Amino acid sequence: MKNTVLVLMVLSAYVTAASAGPTADKKRREAVDISLAKGASEIKDCGKTFKLSFDWAAFDKIDWSKAENPKDHQLGSEITNVRYVGTDINKLCEDKDYKEPVLKFDNIVYRSTIEKDDKNDSRLRVKIEGKTLVFENRIGGSTRSGGDFANAAKKVL
């Protein structure tokens, strides 16, 4: 686990330090997708395969002039943020009370947002959209870590 965290930190630093050109942006996005896939590979206790994805369309719609962090910085942070989605889905499946509701989903989506929820000041919210479990992370605060996604999901499952 320590080696994985170290690799992600180094990768995040490298990606954040890269220039802001289109190739650098592409590499940052690939690093986010790789990190999400790495976490997805840790889902072993659910007994099924989920499609995990990063909502790039929502990310691209963000008005970065209103965001707390610049886009390049946020892309670097997302590498670490998405790493724990799969780990936490697996944690939910380890608990028999949460496994059954989790198995109703086919898709799990991570979505960045700058929108605040007037009802809830939490930076990490969970929505259910049909057979999709959506984690909405309001960017600009601290990065997500292990347990954050499971705890947020428990509020709606």
N, C-alpha and C. Protein backbone atom coordinates (compact mmCIF):
# COMPACT_ATOMS: atom_id res chain seq x y z
N MET A 1 0.83 -1.19 0.00
CA MET A 1 0.00 0.00 0.00
C MET A 1 0.87 1.25 0.00
N LYS A 2 1.95 1.24 0.82
CA LYS A 2 2.83 2.40 0.87
C LYS A 2 3.47 2.66 -0.49
N ASN A 3 3.85 1.57 -1.21
CA ASN A 3 4.46 1.74 -2.52
C ASN A 3 3.47 2.34 -3.51
N THR A 4 2.21 1.90 -3.44
CA THR A 4 1.19 2.44 -4.33
C THR A 4 0.98 3.93 -4.09
N VAL A 5 0.90 4.31 -2.82
CA VAL A 5 0.72 5.72 -2.48
C VAL A 5 1.91 6.53 -2.95
N LEU A 6 3.12 6.01 -2.76
CA LEU A 6 4.33 6.71 -3.20
C LEU A 6 4.33 6.88 -4.71
N VAL A 7 3.99 5.83 -5.44
CA VAL A 7 3.94 5.91 -6.90
C VAL A 7 2.93 6.95 -7.34
N LEU A 8 1.74 6.96 -6.70
CA LEU A 8 0.72 7.94 -7.06
C LEU A 8 1.16 9.35 -6.74
N MET A 9 1.87 9.54 -5.62
CA MET A 9 2.35 10.88 -5.27
C MET A 9 3.38 11.36 -6.29
N VAL A 10 4.29 10.48 -6.69
CA VAL A 10 5.31 10.85 -7.66
C VAL A 10 4.65 11.14 -9.01
N LEU A 11 3.71 10.27 -9.42
CA LEU A 11 3.00 10.48 -10.67
C LEU A 11 2.23 11.78 -10.64
N SER A 12 1.58 12.07 -9.53
CA SER A 12 0.82 13.31 -9.38
C SER A 12 1.75 14.52 -9.49
N ALA A 13 2.89 14.46 -8.84
CA ALA A 13 3.83 15.58 -8.90
C ALA A 13 4.35 15.78 -10.32
N TYR A 14 4.65 14.68 -11.01
CA TYR A 14 5.13 14.75 -12.38
C TYR A 14 4.07 15.37 -13.29
N VAL A 15 2.86 14.85 -13.17
CA VAL A 15 1.78 15.32 -14.03
C VAL A 15 1.46 16.78 -13.74
N THR A 16 1.45 17.19 -12.47
CA THR A 16 1.15 18.57 -12.12
C THR A 16 2.23 19.51 -12.63
N ALA A 17 3.47 19.05 -12.64
CA ALA A 17 4.59 19.90 -13.05
C ALA A 17 4.69 20.04 -14.56
N ALA A 18 4.03 19.16 -15.30
CA ALA A 18 4.12 19.21 -16.75
C ALA A 18 3.51 20.51 -17.27
N SER A 19 3.89 20.88 -18.49
CA SER A 19 3.36 22.12 -19.06
C SER A 19 1.88 21.98 -19.36
N ALA A 20 1.24 23.09 -19.73
CA ALA A 20 -0.20 23.11 -19.89
C ALA A 20 -0.66 22.85 -21.32
N GLY A 21 0.18 22.35 -22.18
CA GLY A 21 -0.20 22.10 -23.57
C GLY A 21 -1.14 20.92 -23.70
N PRO A 22 -1.66 20.71 -24.92
CA PRO A 22 -2.63 19.63 -25.13
C PRO A 22 -2.07 18.24 -24.84
N THR A 23 -0.81 18.00 -25.13
CA THR A 23 -0.22 16.69 -24.85
C THR A 23 -0.11 16.47 -23.35
N ALA A 24 0.28 17.50 -22.61
CA ALA A 24 0.37 17.38 -21.16
C ALA A 24 -1.01 17.12 -20.56
N ASP A 25 -2.02 17.81 -21.07
CA ASP A 25 -3.39 17.60 -20.60
C ASP A 25 -3.82 16.16 -20.86
N LYS A 26 -3.51 15.65 -22.03
CA LYS A 26 -3.85 14.27 -22.39
C LYS A 26 -3.18 13.29 -21.44
N LYS A 27 -1.92 13.54 -21.12
CA LYS A 27 -1.19 12.65 -20.21
C LYS A 27 -1.77 12.70 -18.80
N ARG A 28 -2.18 13.86 -18.35
CA ARG A 28 -2.82 13.98 -17.03
C ARG A 28 -4.12 13.18 -17.00
N ARG A 29 -4.90 13.31 -18.05
CA ARG A 29 -6.16 12.59 -18.13
C ARG A 29 -5.93 11.08 -18.15
N GLU A 30 -4.94 10.64 -18.89
CA GLU A 30 -4.60 9.22 -18.92
C GLU A 30 -4.19 8.74 -17.53
N ALA A 31 -3.45 9.56 -16.80
CA ALA A 31 -3.01 9.19 -15.45
C ALA A 31 -4.22 9.06 -14.51
N VAL A 32 -5.21 9.92 -14.67
CA VAL A 32 -6.43 9.82 -13.87
C VAL A 32 -7.15 8.51 -14.18
N ASP A 33 -7.31 8.21 -15.47
CA ASP A 33 -7.99 6.97 -15.87
C ASP A 33 -7.24 5.73 -15.38
N ILE A 34 -5.92 5.77 -15.43
CA ILE A 34 -5.10 4.64 -14.94
C ILE A 34 -5.29 4.46 -13.44
N SER A 35 -5.31 5.56 -12.71
CA SER A 35 -5.48 5.49 -11.26
C SER A 35 -6.86 4.93 -10.91
N LEU A 36 -7.89 5.35 -11.62
CA LEU A 36 -9.24 4.83 -11.39
C LEU A 36 -9.29 3.33 -11.70
N ALA A 37 -8.65 2.92 -12.78
CA ALA A 37 -8.61 1.50 -13.14
C ALA A 37 -7.85 0.68 -12.11
N LYS A 38 -6.79 1.24 -11.57
CA LYS A 38 -6.02 0.55 -10.52
C LYS A 38 -6.91 0.28 -9.31
N GLY A 39 -7.67 1.28 -8.91
CA GLY A 39 -8.60 1.09 -7.79
C GLY A 39 -9.69 0.09 -8.13
N ALA A 40 -10.17 0.11 -9.37
CA ALA A 40 -11.22 -0.83 -9.80
C ALA A 40 -10.74 -2.27 -9.70
N SER A 41 -9.46 -2.47 -9.91
CA SER A 41 -8.91 -3.83 -9.84
C SER A 41 -8.96 -4.40 -8.42
N GLU A 42 -9.21 -3.55 -7.44
CA GLU A 42 -9.29 -4.01 -6.05
C GLU A 42 -10.69 -4.43 -5.63
N ILE A 43 -11.65 -4.34 -6.54
CA ILE A 43 -13.01 -4.78 -6.24
C ILE A 43 -13.06 -6.29 -6.43
N LYS A 44 -12.97 -7.01 -5.33
CA LYS A 44 -12.91 -8.47 -5.39
C LYS A 44 -14.01 -9.15 -4.60
N ASP A 45 -14.64 -8.44 -3.67
CA ASP A 45 -15.61 -9.06 -2.78
C ASP A 45 -17.06 -8.83 -3.20
N CYS A 46 -17.28 -8.23 -4.35
CA CYS A 46 -18.64 -7.95 -4.79
C CYS A 46 -19.22 -9.09 -5.62
N GLY A 47 -18.36 -9.87 -6.27
CA GLY A 47 -18.85 -10.96 -7.10
C GLY A 47 -19.34 -10.52 -8.46
N LYS A 48 -19.06 -9.29 -8.83
CA LYS A 48 -19.41 -8.81 -10.16
C LYS A 48 -18.44 -7.71 -10.56
N THR A 49 -18.48 -7.37 -11.82
CA THR A 49 -17.63 -6.32 -12.36
C THR A 49 -18.49 -5.08 -12.61
N PHE A 50 -17.99 -3.95 -12.17
CA PHE A 50 -18.66 -2.67 -12.39
C PHE A 50 -17.88 -1.90 -13.45
N LYS A 51 -18.57 -1.04 -14.16
CA LYS A 51 -17.89 -0.12 -15.06
C LYS A 51 -17.63 1.16 -14.26
N LEU A 52 -16.36 1.46 -14.00
CA LEU A 52 -15.98 2.68 -13.30
C LEU A 52 -15.50 3.69 -14.32
N SER A 53 -15.94 4.93 -14.17
CA SER A 53 -15.50 5.95 -15.13
C SER A 53 -15.41 7.32 -14.47
N PHE A 54 -14.58 8.15 -15.05
CA PHE A 54 -14.43 9.54 -14.68
C PHE A 54 -15.30 10.34 -15.63
N ASP A 55 -16.11 11.23 -15.14
CA ASP A 55 -17.01 12.03 -15.97
C ASP A 55 -16.24 13.21 -16.56
N TRP A 56 -15.59 12.95 -17.69
CA TRP A 56 -14.78 13.99 -18.32
C TRP A 56 -15.65 15.11 -18.88
N ALA A 57 -16.85 14.80 -19.30
CA ALA A 57 -17.74 15.85 -19.83
C ALA A 57 -18.05 16.87 -18.74
N ALA A 58 -18.34 16.40 -17.53
CA ALA A 58 -18.61 17.32 -16.42
C ALA A 58 -17.36 18.12 -16.07
N PHE A 59 -16.21 17.46 -16.08
CA PHE A 59 -14.94 18.15 -15.78
C PHE A 59 -14.70 19.27 -16.79
N ASP A 60 -14.96 18.98 -18.05
CA ASP A 60 -14.72 19.98 -19.10
C ASP A 60 -15.71 21.14 -19.05
N LYS A 61 -16.86 20.95 -18.43
CA LYS A 61 -17.86 22.01 -18.33
C LYS A 61 -17.62 22.96 -17.15
N ILE A 62 -16.68 22.62 -16.27
CA ILE A 62 -16.42 23.46 -15.11
C ILE A 62 -15.91 24.83 -15.55
N ASP A 63 -16.45 25.86 -14.96
CA ASP A 63 -15.98 27.23 -15.20
C ASP A 63 -14.77 27.43 -14.28
N TRP A 64 -13.59 27.21 -14.81
CA TRP A 64 -12.38 27.22 -14.00
C TRP A 64 -12.07 28.60 -13.42
N SER A 65 -12.66 29.66 -13.97
CA SER A 65 -12.45 30.99 -13.40
C SER A 65 -13.14 31.11 -12.04
N LYS A 66 -14.11 30.23 -11.76
CA LYS A 66 -14.83 30.24 -10.48
C LYS A 66 -14.34 29.15 -9.52
N ALA A 67 -13.45 28.30 -9.98
CA ALA A 67 -12.97 27.19 -9.16
C ALA A 67 -11.90 27.64 -8.18
N GLU A 68 -11.79 26.93 -7.07
CA GLU A 68 -10.79 27.25 -6.05
C GLU A 68 -9.38 26.91 -6.51
N ASN A 69 -9.25 25.88 -7.36
CA ASN A 69 -7.96 25.46 -7.88
C ASN A 69 -7.95 25.59 -9.40
N PRO A 70 -6.79 25.87 -9.98
CA PRO A 70 -6.72 25.88 -11.44
C PRO A 70 -6.87 24.45 -11.99
N LYS A 71 -7.27 24.35 -13.23
CA LYS A 71 -7.53 23.06 -13.88
C LYS A 71 -6.32 22.12 -13.79
N ASP A 72 -5.13 22.61 -14.11
CA ASP A 72 -3.93 21.77 -14.09
C ASP A 72 -3.69 21.19 -12.70
N HIS A 73 -3.85 22.01 -11.69
CA HIS A 73 -3.67 21.55 -10.31
C HIS A 73 -4.70 20.48 -9.97
N GLN A 74 -5.95 20.71 -10.37
CA GLN A 74 -7.02 19.77 -10.05
C GLN A 74 -6.81 18.43 -10.74
N LEU A 75 -6.34 18.44 -11.97
CA LEU A 75 -6.06 17.18 -12.65
C LEU A 75 -5.04 16.36 -11.86
N GLY A 76 -4.02 17.02 -11.34
CA GLY A 76 -3.04 16.31 -10.52
C GLY A 76 -3.66 15.73 -9.26
N SER A 77 -4.58 16.46 -8.65
CA SER A 77 -5.26 15.98 -7.44
C SER A 77 -6.19 14.82 -7.75
N GLU A 78 -6.81 14.84 -8.91
CA GLU A 78 -7.77 13.79 -9.25
C GLU A 78 -7.10 12.41 -9.35
N ILE A 79 -5.83 12.39 -9.68
CA ILE A 79 -5.11 11.12 -9.74
C ILE A 79 -5.20 10.40 -8.41
N THR A 80 -5.00 11.13 -7.33
CA THR A 80 -5.09 10.55 -5.99
C THR A 80 -6.54 10.34 -5.59
N ASN A 81 -7.41 11.28 -5.88
CA ASN A 81 -8.82 11.18 -5.49
C ASN A 81 -9.47 9.90 -5.99
N VAL A 82 -9.34 9.61 -7.27
CA VAL A 82 -10.06 8.48 -7.85
C VAL A 82 -9.49 7.13 -7.45
N ARG A 83 -8.30 7.12 -6.95
CA ARG A 83 -7.63 5.87 -6.57
C ARG A 83 -8.45 5.06 -5.57
N TYR A 84 -9.20 5.73 -4.71
CA TYR A 84 -9.88 5.04 -3.62
C TYR A 84 -11.33 4.66 -3.92
N VAL A 85 -11.84 4.98 -5.10
CA VAL A 85 -13.21 4.64 -5.43
C VAL A 85 -13.39 3.11 -5.38
N GLY A 86 -12.56 2.38 -6.10
CA GLY A 86 -12.67 0.93 -6.13
C GLY A 86 -12.43 0.28 -4.79
N THR A 87 -11.44 0.77 -4.07
CA THR A 87 -11.13 0.24 -2.74
C THR A 87 -12.35 0.36 -1.83
N ASP A 88 -13.01 1.48 -1.88
CA ASP A 88 -14.16 1.71 -1.01
C ASP A 88 -15.40 0.93 -1.46
N ILE A 89 -15.57 0.72 -2.76
CA ILE A 89 -16.67 -0.13 -3.23
C ILE A 89 -16.44 -1.54 -2.68
N ASN A 90 -15.20 -1.99 -2.71
CA ASN A 90 -14.90 -3.31 -2.16
C ASN A 90 -15.20 -3.36 -0.66
N LYS A 91 -14.87 -2.29 0.07
CA LYS A 91 -15.18 -2.23 1.51
C LYS A 91 -16.67 -2.37 1.75
N LEU A 92 -17.46 -1.73 0.90
CA LEU A 92 -18.92 -1.84 1.04
C LEU A 92 -19.38 -3.28 0.82
N CYS A 93 -18.78 -3.96 -0.14
CA CYS A 93 -19.17 -5.35 -0.42
C CYS A 93 -18.69 -6.32 0.66
N GLU A 94 -17.70 -5.93 1.43
CA GLU A 94 -17.26 -6.77 2.54
C GLU A 94 -18.29 -6.79 3.66
N ASP A 95 -19.18 -5.80 3.68
CA ASP A 95 -20.22 -5.69 4.70
C ASP A 95 -21.53 -6.20 4.10
N LYS A 96 -22.06 -7.29 4.63
CA LYS A 96 -23.25 -7.91 4.04
C LYS A 96 -24.43 -6.96 3.96
N ASP A 97 -24.52 -6.01 4.86
CA ASP A 97 -25.64 -5.06 4.84
C ASP A 97 -25.55 -4.08 3.67
N TYR A 98 -24.34 -3.79 3.20
CA TYR A 98 -24.18 -2.85 2.09
C TYR A 98 -23.96 -3.56 0.76
N LYS A 99 -23.55 -4.81 0.80
CA LYS A 99 -23.25 -5.53 -0.44
C LYS A 99 -24.49 -5.62 -1.33
N GLU A 100 -25.63 -5.99 -0.78
CA GLU A 100 -26.84 -6.16 -1.58
C GLU A 100 -27.22 -4.88 -2.33
N PRO A 101 -27.27 -3.72 -1.66
CA PRO A 101 -27.62 -2.51 -2.42
C PRO A 101 -26.55 -2.12 -3.45
N VAL A 102 -25.29 -2.39 -3.15
CA VAL A 102 -24.22 -2.05 -4.10
C VAL A 102 -24.36 -2.89 -5.37
N LEU A 103 -24.76 -4.14 -5.23
CA LEU A 103 -24.88 -5.02 -6.38
C LEU A 103 -25.99 -4.61 -7.35
N LYS A 104 -26.84 -3.69 -6.96
CA LYS A 104 -27.89 -3.20 -7.85
C LYS A 104 -27.34 -2.27 -8.94
N PHE A 105 -26.11 -1.80 -8.73
CA PHE A 105 -25.50 -0.88 -9.68
C PHE A 105 -24.65 -1.63 -10.70
N ASP A 106 -24.60 -1.08 -11.91
CA ASP A 106 -23.72 -1.60 -12.95
C ASP A 106 -22.56 -0.65 -13.20
N ASN A 107 -22.80 0.64 -12.93
CA ASN A 107 -21.82 1.68 -13.23
C ASN A 107 -21.53 2.50 -11.98
N ILE A 108 -20.28 2.93 -11.89
CA ILE A 108 -19.87 3.82 -10.81
C ILE A 108 -19.11 4.96 -11.47
N VAL A 109 -19.57 6.18 -11.20
CA VAL A 109 -19.01 7.36 -11.87
C VAL A 109 -18.44 8.31 -10.82
N TYR A 110 -17.26 8.84 -11.12
CA TYR A 110 -16.65 9.90 -10.32
C TYR A 110 -16.83 11.19 -11.11
N ARG A 111 -17.41 12.20 -10.47
CA ARG A 111 -17.69 13.46 -11.15
C ARG A 111 -17.14 14.62 -10.32
N SER A 112 -16.36 15.47 -10.95
CA SER A 112 -15.87 16.69 -10.31
C SER A 112 -16.91 17.79 -10.49
N THR A 113 -17.04 18.63 -9.48
CA THR A 113 -17.99 19.73 -9.58
C THR A 113 -17.49 20.90 -8.73
N ILE A 114 -17.98 22.09 -9.03
CA ILE A 114 -17.73 23.24 -8.16
C ILE A 114 -19.03 23.68 -7.51
N GLU A 115 -20.11 22.99 -7.85
CA GLU A 115 -21.43 23.34 -7.33
C GLU A 115 -21.58 22.95 -5.87
N LYS A 116 -22.12 23.87 -5.08
CA LYS A 116 -22.41 23.59 -3.68
C LYS A 116 -23.83 23.07 -3.56
N ASP A 117 -24.03 22.24 -2.57
CA ASP A 117 -25.36 21.71 -2.27
C ASP A 117 -25.85 22.47 -1.05
N ASP A 118 -26.92 23.23 -1.20
CA ASP A 118 -27.43 24.05 -0.09
C ASP A 118 -27.87 23.21 1.10
N LYS A 119 -28.30 21.97 0.85
CA LYS A 119 -28.76 21.10 1.93
C LYS A 119 -27.61 20.44 2.68
N ASN A 120 -26.48 20.34 2.02
CA ASN A 120 -25.38 19.57 2.58
C ASN A 120 -24.06 20.24 2.19
N ASP A 121 -23.25 20.57 3.15
CA ASP A 121 -21.99 21.24 2.86
C ASP A 121 -20.85 20.25 2.56
N SER A 122 -21.16 18.98 2.52
CA SER A 122 -20.13 17.97 2.28
C SER A 122 -19.51 18.17 0.90
N ARG A 123 -18.23 17.99 0.82
CA ARG A 123 -17.54 18.11 -0.46
C ARG A 123 -17.70 16.85 -1.30
N LEU A 124 -18.07 15.74 -0.69
CA LEU A 124 -18.27 14.50 -1.43
C LEU A 124 -19.71 14.04 -1.23
N ARG A 125 -20.45 14.05 -2.33
CA ARG A 125 -21.86 13.65 -2.29
C ARG A 125 -22.05 12.42 -3.16
N VAL A 126 -23.10 11.68 -2.86
CA VAL A 126 -23.42 10.50 -3.65
C VAL A 126 -24.83 10.63 -4.19
N LYS A 127 -24.98 10.31 -5.47
CA LYS A 127 -26.28 10.33 -6.12
C LYS A 127 -26.51 8.97 -6.77
N ILE A 128 -27.77 8.61 -6.85
CA ILE A 128 -28.15 7.40 -7.56
C ILE A 128 -28.88 7.83 -8.81
N GLU A 129 -28.36 7.41 -9.95
CA GLU A 129 -28.96 7.73 -11.24
C GLU A 129 -29.24 6.41 -11.96
N GLY A 130 -30.40 5.84 -11.70
CA GLY A 130 -30.75 4.54 -12.29
C GLY A 130 -29.84 3.46 -11.72
N LYS A 131 -29.11 2.80 -12.59
CA LYS A 131 -28.19 1.73 -12.18
C LYS A 131 -26.76 2.25 -12.01
N THR A 132 -26.65 3.57 -11.82
CA THR A 132 -25.34 4.20 -11.67
C THR A 132 -25.21 4.88 -10.31
N LEU A 133 -24.13 4.58 -9.64
CA LEU A 133 -23.78 5.22 -8.38
C LEU A 133 -22.79 6.33 -8.72
N VAL A 134 -23.14 7.56 -8.41
CA VAL A 134 -22.32 8.72 -8.79
C VAL A 134 -21.72 9.36 -7.55
N PHE A 135 -20.40 9.49 -7.55
CA PHE A 135 -19.70 10.23 -6.51
C PHE A 135 -19.38 11.61 -7.07
N GLU A 136 -19.96 12.64 -6.46
CA GLU A 136 -19.68 14.02 -6.88
C GLU A 136 -18.74 14.65 -5.87
N ASN A 137 -17.57 15.00 -6.34
CA ASN A 137 -16.57 15.61 -5.48
C ASN A 137 -16.47 17.10 -5.80
N ARG A 138 -16.84 17.93 -4.82
CA ARG A 138 -16.69 19.38 -5.00
C ARG A 138 -15.21 19.69 -4.83
N ILE A 139 -14.61 20.16 -5.90
CA ILE A 139 -13.16 20.37 -5.92
C ILE A 139 -12.76 21.59 -5.11
N GLY A 140 -11.50 21.60 -4.76
CA GLY A 140 -10.93 22.76 -4.07
C GLY A 140 -10.56 22.49 -2.64
N GLY A 141 -11.06 21.44 -2.06
CA GLY A 141 -10.73 21.12 -0.67
C GLY A 141 -9.61 20.11 -0.62
N SER A 142 -9.62 19.34 0.41
CA SER A 142 -8.59 18.30 0.55
C SER A 142 -8.88 17.17 -0.41
N THR A 143 -7.87 16.37 -0.66
CA THR A 143 -8.05 15.22 -1.54
C THR A 143 -8.78 14.11 -0.80
N ARG A 144 -9.38 13.22 -1.54
CA ARG A 144 -10.09 12.08 -0.97
C ARG A 144 -9.09 11.00 -0.59
N SER A 145 -9.48 10.22 0.41
CA SER A 145 -8.63 9.11 0.83
C SER A 145 -9.49 7.90 1.12
N GLY A 146 -8.85 6.80 1.45
CA GLY A 146 -9.56 5.56 1.73
C GLY A 146 -10.60 5.75 2.81
N GLY A 147 -11.81 5.26 2.55
CA GLY A 147 -12.92 5.37 3.49
C GLY A 147 -13.88 6.49 3.14
N ASP A 148 -13.42 7.53 2.47
CA ASP A 148 -14.27 8.67 2.14
C ASP A 148 -15.45 8.26 1.25
N PHE A 149 -15.21 7.44 0.23
CA PHE A 149 -16.26 7.08 -0.70
C PHE A 149 -17.24 6.11 -0.04
N ALA A 150 -16.73 5.16 0.74
CA ALA A 150 -17.62 4.22 1.44
C ALA A 150 -18.51 4.97 2.43
N ASN A 151 -17.94 5.88 3.19
CA ASN A 151 -18.73 6.63 4.15
C ASN A 151 -19.80 7.48 3.48
N ALA A 152 -19.46 8.10 2.36
CA ALA A 152 -20.43 8.91 1.65
C ALA A 152 -21.55 8.03 1.07
N ALA A 153 -21.18 6.88 0.54
CA ALA A 153 -22.18 5.98 -0.06
C ALA A 153 -23.14 5.43 0.99
N LYS A 154 -22.67 5.21 2.19
CA LYS A 154 -23.52 4.66 3.25
C LYS A 154 -24.69 5.60 3.58
N LYS A 155 -24.56 6.86 3.26
CA LYS A 155 -25.63 7.83 3.54
C LYS A 155 -26.82 7.66 2.60
N VAL A 156 -26.60 7.02 1.44
CA VAL A 156 -27.70 6.85 0.48
C VAL A 156 -28.08 5.39 0.25
N LEU A 157 -27.27 4.46 0.71
CA LEU A 157 -27.57 3.04 0.48
C LEU A 157 -28.43 2.45 1.57
